[in-house]
C-alpha atoms as a PDB file:
ATOM      1  CA  MET A   1      -0.084  -0.490   0.188  1.00  0.00           C
ATOM      2  CA  PRO A   2       1.056   3.502  -0.650  1.00  0.00           C
ATOM      3  CA  ARG A   3       2.548   5.792   2.168  1.00  0.00           C
ATOM      4  CA  VAL A   4      -0.183   8.093   0.717  1.00  0.00           C
ATOM      5  CA  SER A   5      -2.988   5.858   1.166  1.00  0.00           C
ATOM      6  CA  LEU A   6      -1.615   4.627   5.228  1.00  0.00           C
ATOM      7  CA  TRP A   7      -1.706   8.727   5.788  1.00  0.00           C
ATOM      8  CA  PHE A   8      -5.114   9.048   4.267  1.00  0.00           C
ATOM      9  CA  LEU A   9      -6.668   6.005   5.707  1.00  0.00           C
ATOM     10  CA  ARG A  10      -4.990   6.630   9.287  1.00  0.00           C
ATOM     11  CA  SER A  11      -6.051  10.223   9.819  1.00  0.00           C
ATOM     12  CA  SER A  12      -9.464   9.035   8.682  1.00  0.00           C
ATOM     13  CA  LEU A  13      -9.787   6.873  11.654  1.00  0.00           C
ATOM     14  CA  VAL A  14      -8.314   9.434  13.757  1.00  0.00           C
ATOM     15  CA  TYR A  15     -11.277  11.729  12.387  1.00  0.00           C
ATOM     16  CA  LEU A  16     -13.698   8.945  12.990  1.00  0.00           C
ATOM     17  CA  ALA A  17     -12.777   8.338  16.702  1.00  0.00           C
ATOM     18  CA  LEU A  18     -12.848  12.669  16.630  1.00  0.00           C
ATOM     19  CA  GLY A  19     -16.405  12.960  15.223  1.00  0.00           C
ATOM     20  CA  PHE A  20     -17.666  10.531  17.612  1.00  0.00           C
ATOM     21  CA  THR A  21     -16.393  11.997  20.550  1.00  0.00           C
ATOM     22  CA  LEU A  22     -17.731  15.532  19.821  1.00  0.00           C
ATOM     23  CA  GLY A  23     -20.714  13.768  18.241  1.00  0.00           C
ATOM     24  CA  ALA A  24     -21.248  12.116  22.005  1.00  0.00           C
ATOM     25  CA  LEU A  25     -20.855  15.273  23.606  1.00  0.00           C
ATOM     26  CA  LEU A  26     -22.859  17.272  21.515  1.00  0.00           C
ATOM     27  CA  LEU A  27     -25.662  14.093  22.243  1.00  0.00           C
ATOM     28  CA  TRP A  28     -24.618  14.500  26.154  1.00  0.00           C
ATOM     29  CA  ASP A  29     -25.732  18.280  26.138  1.00  0.00           C
ATOM     30  CA  LYS A  30     -29.471  17.346  25.090  1.00  0.00           C
ATOM     31  CA  GLY A  31     -29.628  15.340  27.890  1.00  0.00           C
ATOM     32  CA  LEU A  32     -27.667  16.844  30.714  1.00  0.00           C
ATOM     33  CA  PRO A  33     -26.742  20.593  29.836  1.00  0.00           C
ATOM     34  CA  LEU A  34     -23.744  21.411  29.338  1.00  0.00           C
ATOM     35  CA  GLY A  35     -23.936  24.947  28.455  1.00  0.00           C
ATOM     36  CA  PRO A  36     -24.730  26.763  25.138  1.00  0.00           C
ATOM     37  CA  ALA A  37     -21.023  26.576  24.376  1.00  0.00           C
ATOM     38  CA  VAL A  38     -20.897  22.939  23.782  1.00  0.00           C
ATOM     39  CA  TRP A  39     -22.767  23.944  20.072  1.00  0.00           C
ATOM     40  CA  VAL A  40     -20.192  25.825  19.139  1.00  0.00           C
ATOM     41  CA  LEU A  41     -18.332  22.314  18.145  1.00  0.00           C
ATOM     42  CA  ARG A  42     -21.383  21.338  15.516  1.00  0.00           C
ATOM     43  CA  PRO A  43     -19.958  22.721  12.505  1.00  0.00           C
ATOM     44  CA  LEU A  44     -16.438  21.099  14.086  1.00  0.00           C
ATOM     45  CA  HIS A  45     -18.099  18.014  14.209  1.00  0.00           C
ATOM     46  CA  VAL A  46     -19.864  17.881  10.765  1.00  0.00           C
ATOM     47  CA  GLU A  47     -16.920  18.602   9.103  1.00  0.00           C
ATOM     48  CA  VAL A  48     -14.628  15.980  10.826  1.00  0.00           C
ATOM     49  CA  ALA A  49     -17.431  13.380  10.182  1.00  0.00           C
ATOM     50  CA  LEU A  50     -18.106  13.946   6.894  1.00  0.00           C
ATOM     51  CA  VAL A  51     -14.661  15.550   5.244  1.00  0.00           C
ATOM     52  CA  GLY A  52     -12.011  14.129   7.747  1.00  0.00           C
ATOM     53  CA  TRP A  53     -13.430  10.286   8.047  1.00  0.00           C
ATOM     54  CA  VAL A  54     -15.333   9.796   4.679  1.00  0.00           C
ATOM     55  CA  LEU A  55     -14.212  11.711   1.768  1.00  0.00           C
ATOM     56  CA  GLN A  56     -10.539  10.951   3.120  1.00  0.00           C
ATOM     57  CA  LEU A  57     -11.014   6.937   3.659  1.00  0.00           C
ATOM     58  CA  VAL A  58     -12.912   6.949   0.159  1.00  0.00           C
ATOM     59  CA  MET A  59      -9.619   9.422  -1.416  1.00  0.00           C
ATOM     60  CA  GLY A  60      -7.308   6.696  -0.034  1.00  0.00           C
ATOM     61  CA  THR A  61      -8.975   3.818  -0.937  1.00  0.00           C
ATOM     62  CA  ALA A  62      -9.582   5.134  -4.279  1.00  0.00           C
ATOM     63  CA  TYR A  63      -5.403   5.696  -4.823  1.00  0.00           C
ATOM     64  CA  TRP A  64      -4.470   2.259  -3.450  1.00  0.00           C
ATOM     65  CA  ILE A  65      -6.845   0.231  -4.923  1.00  0.00           C
ATOM     66  CA  PHE A  66      -8.244   1.996  -8.199  1.00  0.00           C
ATOM     67  CA  PRO A  67      -7.749  -0.102 -11.383  1.00  0.00           C
ATOM     68  CA  ARG A  68      -4.339   0.228 -12.786  1.00  0.00           C
ATOM     69  CA  PHE A  69      -5.416  -0.598 -16.449  1.00  0.00           C
ATOM     70  CA  GLY A  70      -2.106  -1.162 -18.348  1.00  0.00           C
ATOM     71  CA  MET A  71       0.128   0.191 -15.409  1.00  0.00           C
ATOM     72  CA  THR A  72       2.182  -1.867 -12.866  1.00  0.00           C
ATOM     73  CA  ALA A  73       1.252  -2.038  -9.434  1.00  0.00           C
ATOM     74  CA  ALA A  74       4.284   1.154  -8.637  1.00  0.00           C
ATOM     75  CA  GLN A  75       2.637   2.949 -11.105  1.00  0.00           C
ATOM     76  CA  ARG A  76      -0.707   4.519  -9.413  1.00  0.00           C
ATOM     77  CA  GLY A  77      -0.139   7.937 -11.040  1.00  0.00           C
ATOM     78  CA  ARG A  78       1.989  11.103  -9.676  1.00  0.00           C
ATOM     79  CA  GLU A  79       2.073  10.590  -6.134  1.00  0.00           C
ATOM     80  CA  ASP A  80       2.947  14.455  -5.390  1.00  0.00           C
ATOM     81  CA  LEU A  81      -0.670  15.193  -6.187  1.00  0.00           C
ATOM     82  CA  ALA A  82      -2.035  12.928  -4.373  1.00  0.00           C
ATOM     83  CA  TRP A  83       0.327  14.345  -1.088  1.00  0.00           C
ATOM     84  CA  LEU A  84      -1.399  17.972  -2.460  1.00  0.00           C
ATOM     85  CA  ALA A  85      -4.677  16.658  -2.244  1.00  0.00           C
ATOM     86  CA  PHE A  86      -3.886  15.285   1.084  1.00  0.00           C
ATOM     87  CA  GLY A  87      -2.372  18.179   2.414  1.00  0.00           C
ATOM     88  CA  LEU A  88      -5.394  20.332   1.204  1.00  0.00           C
ATOM     89  CA  VAL A  89      -7.984  18.771   2.416  1.00  0.00           C
ATOM     90  CA  ASN A  90      -6.951  18.562   5.633  1.00  0.00           C
ATOM     91  CA  ALA A  91      -5.786  22.502   5.901  1.00  0.00           C
ATOM     92  CA  GLY A  92      -9.653  23.030   4.292  1.00  0.00           C
ATOM     93  CA  LEU A  93     -11.144  20.358   7.139  1.00  0.00           C
ATOM     94  CA  TRP A  94      -9.619  22.774  10.185  1.00  0.00           C
ATOM     95  CA  THR A  95      -9.952  26.173   8.124  1.00  0.00           C
ATOM     96  CA  VAL A  96     -14.104  25.548   7.633  1.00  0.00           C
ATOM     97  CA  GLY A  97     -14.545  23.063  11.311  1.00  0.00           C
ATOM     98  CA  LEU A  98     -12.701  26.388  13.318  1.00  0.00           C
ATOM     99  CA  GLN A  99     -14.857  29.079  11.973  1.00  0.00           C
ATOM    100  CA  GLY A 100     -17.483  29.037  14.889  1.00  0.00           C
ATOM    101  CA  TRP A 101     -14.531  29.006  17.221  1.00  0.00           C
ATOM    102  CA  VAL A 102     -12.092  31.317  15.669  1.00  0.00           C
ATOM    103  CA  GLY A 103     -14.761  33.184  13.671  1.00  0.00           C
ATOM    104  CA  PHE A 104     -12.896  33.538  10.642  1.00  0.00           C
ATOM    105  CA  PRO A 105     -14.311  36.038   7.855  1.00  0.00           C
ATOM    106  CA  ALA A 106     -16.219  34.413   5.287  1.00  0.00           C
ATOM    107  CA  ALA A 107     -13.946  34.937   2.643  1.00  0.00           C
ATOM    108  CA  VAL A 108     -11.074  32.195   5.338  1.00  0.00           C
ATOM    109  CA  THR A 109     -14.230  29.747   5.257  1.00  0.00           C
ATOM    110  CA  THR A 110     -14.713  30.682   1.439  1.00  0.00           C
ATOM    111  CA  LEU A 111     -10.779  29.567   0.716  1.00  0.00           C
ATOM    112  CA  GLY A 112     -11.055  26.379   3.246  1.00  0.00           C
ATOM    113  CA  ARG A 113     -14.106  24.764   1.091  1.00  0.00           C
ATOM    114  CA  GLY A 114     -11.964  25.986  -2.279  1.00  0.00           C
ATOM    115  CA  ALA A 115      -9.283  23.737  -0.618  1.00  0.00           C
ATOM    116  CA  GLU A 116     -11.049  20.859  -0.143  1.00  0.00           C
ATOM    117  CA  ALA A 117     -13.191  21.036  -3.202  1.00  0.00           C
ATOM    118  CA  LEU A 118      -9.401  21.487  -4.873  1.00  0.00           C
ATOM    119  CA  ALA A 119      -8.698  18.601  -3.379  1.00  0.00           C
ATOM    120  CA  ALA A 120     -11.379  16.374  -4.626  1.00  0.00           C
ATOM    121  CA  VAL A 121     -10.301  17.696  -8.402  1.00  0.00           C
ATOM    122  CA  LEU A 122      -6.563  16.814  -7.961  1.00  0.00           C
ATOM    123  CA  MET A 123      -7.501  13.036  -6.491  1.00  0.00           C
ATOM    124  CA  ALA A 124      -9.720  12.431  -9.798  1.00  0.00           C
ATOM    125  CA  VAL A 125      -7.463  14.073 -12.059  1.00  0.00           C
ATOM    126  CA  ASN A 126      -4.825  11.522 -10.412  1.00  0.00           C
ATOM    127  CA  ILE A 127      -6.669   8.833 -10.949  1.00  0.00           C
ATOM    128  CA  TRP A 128      -8.631   9.737 -14.213  1.00  0.00           C
ATOM    129  CA  ALA A 129      -6.078   8.246 -16.464  1.00  0.00           C
ATOM    130  CA  ARG A 130      -6.376   4.485 -14.660  1.00  0.00           C
ATOM    131  CA  THR A 131      -9.702   4.580 -15.958  1.00  0.00           C
ATOM    132  CA  ARG A 132     -11.155   2.669 -18.908  1.00  0.00           C
ATOM    133  CA  ALA A 133     -14.619   1.818 -20.257  1.00  0.00           C
ATOM    134  CA  SER A 134     -15.975  -1.607 -19.461  1.00  0.00           C
ATOM    135  CA  GLY A 135     -15.644  -3.073 -22.887  1.00  0.00           C
ATOM    136  CA  LEU A 136     -19.183  -4.742 -22.968  1.00  0.00           C
ATOM    137  CA  SER A 137     -20.604  -4.914 -26.443  1.00  0.00           C
ATOM    138  CA  PRO A 138     -24.291  -2.760 -27.355  1.00  0.00           C
ATOM    139  CA  MET A 139     -26.787  -5.399 -27.396  1.00  0.00           C
END
């Protein structure tokens, strides 16, 4: 397994644990109130669960296991693009997730979302060369 895929998958598991912890705090507050300050964590919880866990799990698995038609197992595309996508998705996650705490301006939050979107585009471009039609003949 490529090292970048390991980083994607391991970080997604860390984000899964963090997402469960933040979600548990929010759920706890519904039963035994901890105070209104707990709900500042909700945007971070959503970012960690959706982008941190799900998106990174998908990206790491796709880079690792996506079909390699006409390529050897070592040729998975440009690893530097995968590392850049890893950095962008994590930078965007924390920029958007901490917006409630830090109070970033809307432009900074938009840059964070743009970093997440650019990471997804980079990953798609990186694995696009490894796709081909299924070869099924029309009826």
